[in-house]
């Protein structure tokens, strides 16, 4: 039986954050402690904006090339988590957030969790571009629910001619 440490960590984190406030406040003073907390929140917002746009550009480039953008999507998610941890008041969450902003640590985290994540789109066939030929464009008079119920199935319908892959 494997015991998860996550619930214990989530319960202990607020107590550790309070202890961190007390220790830092004792060393640098209350006003400086509040200033550090505000500075880390502003840094989180700025880093999210700067690195978030970079990740979005890399995702767009990967998708345009028909490549799998899952690594960049995971990096983007970790950047959002890191920014939230920086915005939340507390020094321990700030340290964890700053560590998540480092690309080598994000790569380690991604290599650990990528086996548990499933990408739903097949990018080897061109991603979404390969499915455009399956669109059936109907005019206003081509379809009516009442007519279908009266007539029954139409064997010449374009829906019947569409073959599944």
Protein backbone atom coordinates (compact mmCIF):
# COMPACT_ATOMS: atom_id res chain seq x y z
CA UNK A 1 0.00 0.00 0.00
CA UNK A 2 1.44 3.33 -1.10
CA UNK A 3 0.76 6.40 1.04
CA UNK A 4 0.63 9.74 -0.72
CA UNK A 5 2.41 12.64 0.91
CA UNK A 6 0.38 15.28 -0.97
CA UNK A 7 -2.43 15.63 1.63
CA UNK A 8 0.14 15.91 4.41
CA UNK A 9 2.07 18.54 2.43
CA UNK A 10 -1.10 20.55 1.71
CA UNK A 11 -1.99 20.57 5.41
CA UNK A 12 1.54 21.45 6.52
CA UNK A 13 2.20 24.16 3.91
CA UNK A 14 0.18 26.96 5.59
CA UNK A 15 1.92 26.26 8.90
CA UNK A 16 5.31 26.30 7.21
CA UNK A 17 4.42 29.57 5.43
CA UNK A 18 3.46 31.19 8.75
CA UNK A 19 6.72 30.00 10.27
CA UNK A 20 8.55 31.47 7.28
CA UNK A 21 6.83 34.83 7.81
CA UNK A 22 7.85 34.83 11.45
CA UNK A 23 11.48 33.94 10.73
CA UNK A 24 11.87 36.44 7.87
CA UNK A 25 9.97 39.12 9.80
CA UNK A 26 12.27 38.67 12.79
CA UNK A 27 15.38 39.04 10.59
CA UNK A 28 14.42 41.90 8.26
CA UNK A 29 11.39 43.50 9.94
CA UNK A 30 7.67 43.50 9.28
CA UNK A 31 7.64 46.22 6.61
CA UNK A 32 10.44 44.56 4.61
CA UNK A 33 8.64 41.22 4.87
CA UNK A 34 5.46 42.74 3.42
CA UNK A 35 7.57 44.36 0.69
CA UNK A 36 9.14 41.01 -0.20
CA UNK A 37 5.72 39.37 -0.43
CA UNK A 38 4.40 42.15 -2.68
CA UNK A 39 7.55 42.03 -4.84
CA UNK A 40 7.21 38.27 -5.33
CA UNK A 41 3.57 38.69 -6.37
CA UNK A 42 4.49 41.34 -8.94
CA UNK A 43 7.36 39.16 -10.17
CA UNK A 44 4.94 36.25 -10.59
CA UNK A 45 2.60 38.32 -12.75
CA UNK A 46 5.46 39.68 -14.89
CA UNK A 47 7.11 36.28 -15.33
CA UNK A 48 3.79 34.71 -16.27
CA UNK A 49 3.26 37.33 -18.93
CA UNK A 50 6.79 37.19 -20.34
CA UNK A 51 7.31 33.42 -20.33
CA UNK A 52 3.67 32.64 -21.12
CA UNK A 53 3.80 34.51 -24.43
CA UNK A 54 7.03 32.70 -25.32
CA UNK A 55 5.49 29.29 -24.64
CA UNK A 56 2.38 30.16 -26.65
CA UNK A 57 4.57 31.16 -29.62
CA UNK A 58 6.46 27.85 -29.42
CA UNK A 59 3.17 25.91 -29.24
CA UNK A 60 1.89 27.71 -32.34
CA UNK A 61 5.14 26.97 -34.19
CA UNK A 62 5.02 23.27 -33.25
CA UNK A 63 1.39 22.95 -34.36
CA UNK A 64 2.03 24.77 -37.64
CA UNK A 65 4.87 22.33 -38.35
CA UNK A 66 2.59 19.36 -37.59
CA UNK A 67 4.64 18.43 -34.52
CA UNK A 68 3.37 17.30 -31.14
CA UNK A 69 3.22 20.38 -28.85
CA UNK A 70 2.61 18.39 -25.65
CA UNK A 71 6.00 19.26 -24.13
CA UNK A 72 5.40 22.98 -24.65
CA UNK A 73 1.83 22.66 -23.34
CA UNK A 74 3.18 21.01 -20.20
CA UNK A 75 5.77 23.77 -19.83
CA UNK A 76 2.99 26.34 -20.18
CA UNK A 77 0.93 24.64 -17.48
CA UNK A 78 3.94 24.53 -15.16
CA UNK A 79 4.60 28.23 -15.79
CA UNK A 80 1.01 29.02 -14.79
CA UNK A 81 1.42 26.94 -11.60
CA UNK A 82 4.75 28.67 -10.89
CA UNK A 83 3.19 32.11 -11.33
CA UNK A 84 0.28 31.21 -9.04
CA UNK A 85 2.76 30.00 -6.42
CA UNK A 86 4.62 33.32 -6.69
CA UNK A 87 1.41 35.34 -6.44
CA UNK A 88 0.25 33.44 -3.33
CA UNK A 89 1.78 35.05 -0.22
CA UNK A 90 4.48 32.94 1.34
CA UNK A 91 8.17 32.25 1.00
CA UNK A 92 8.06 28.47 0.59
CA UNK A 93 5.56 28.70 -2.25
CA UNK A 94 7.76 31.43 -3.79
CA UNK A 95 10.80 29.13 -3.72
CA UNK A 96 8.84 26.30 -5.35
CA UNK A 97 7.43 28.76 -7.92
CA UNK A 98 10.87 30.13 -8.79
CA UNK A 99 12.20 26.60 -9.22
CA UNK A 100 9.34 25.81 -11.63
CA UNK A 101 10.33 28.78 -13.79
CA UNK A 102 13.65 27.06 -14.54
CA UNK A 103 13.39 25.13 -17.85
CA UNK A 104 15.68 22.25 -16.77
CA UNK A 105 13.44 21.52 -13.77
CA UNK A 106 10.34 21.70 -15.97
CA UNK A 107 12.00 19.19 -18.34
CA UNK A 108 12.64 16.84 -15.41
CA UNK A 109 9.03 17.17 -14.28
CA UNK A 110 7.77 16.62 -17.84
CA UNK A 111 9.91 13.51 -18.34
CA UNK A 112 8.52 12.12 -15.10
CA UNK A 113 4.84 12.74 -15.92
CA UNK A 114 4.64 12.44 -19.72
CA UNK A 115 3.85 8.73 -19.53
CA UNK A 116 0.65 9.52 -17.63
CA UNK A 117 -0.61 12.16 -20.09
CA UNK A 118 -2.38 11.25 -23.32
CA UNK A 119 -2.41 13.60 -26.31
CA UNK A 120 -5.79 13.25 -28.03
CA UNK A 121 -4.79 14.56 -31.47
CA UNK A 122 -2.64 12.67 -33.96
CA UNK A 123 -0.10 15.22 -35.16
CA UNK A 124 1.66 12.74 -37.45
CA UNK A 125 -1.12 13.14 -40.04
CA UNK A 126 -1.03 16.92 -40.08
CA UNK A 127 -3.08 17.57 -36.99
CA UNK A 128 -6.41 19.24 -37.63
CA UNK A 129 -5.68 19.95 -41.31
CA UNK A 130 -6.26 16.33 -42.33
CA UNK A 131 -9.92 16.40 -41.33
CA UNK A 132 -11.20 19.33 -43.40
CA UNK A 133 -12.21 17.13 -46.34
CA UNK A 134 -14.94 15.50 -44.22
CA UNK A 135 -17.10 18.63 -44.01
CA UNK A 136 -20.48 18.33 -45.71
CA UNK A 137 -21.94 21.71 -46.58
CA UNK A 138 -25.75 21.70 -46.72
CA UNK A 139 -28.01 24.38 -48.19
CA UNK A 140 -31.09 25.63 -46.34
CA UNK A 141 -33.49 23.24 -48.10
CA UNK A 142 -31.21 20.17 -47.93
CA UNK A 143 -32.25 19.15 -44.46
CA UNK A 144 -35.45 19.30 -42.47
CA UNK A 145 -36.15 17.18 -39.41
CA UNK A 146 -39.89 16.89 -40.17
CA UNK A 147 -39.25 15.68 -43.73
CA UNK A 148 -36.81 13.07 -42.48
CA UNK A 149 -39.36 11.68 -40.05
CA UNK A 150 -42.02 11.40 -42.78
CA UNK A 151 -39.79 9.97 -45.54
CA UNK A 152 -37.49 7.66 -43.65
CA UNK A 153 -33.81 7.23 -44.46
CA UNK A 154 -32.49 8.62 -47.76
CA UNK A 155 -30.03 6.15 -49.26
CA UNK A 156 -28.59 8.84 -51.61
CA UNK A 157 -27.74 11.15 -48.72
CA UNK A 158 -24.16 12.45 -48.57
CA UNK A 159 -24.04 11.10 -45.02
CA UNK A 160 -24.38 7.58 -46.43
CA UNK A 161 -21.52 8.16 -48.92
CA UNK A 162 -19.03 9.27 -46.26
CA UNK A 163 -16.71 6.38 -45.44
CA UNK A 164 -15.05 6.10 -42.06
CA UNK A 165 -11.29 5.60 -41.88
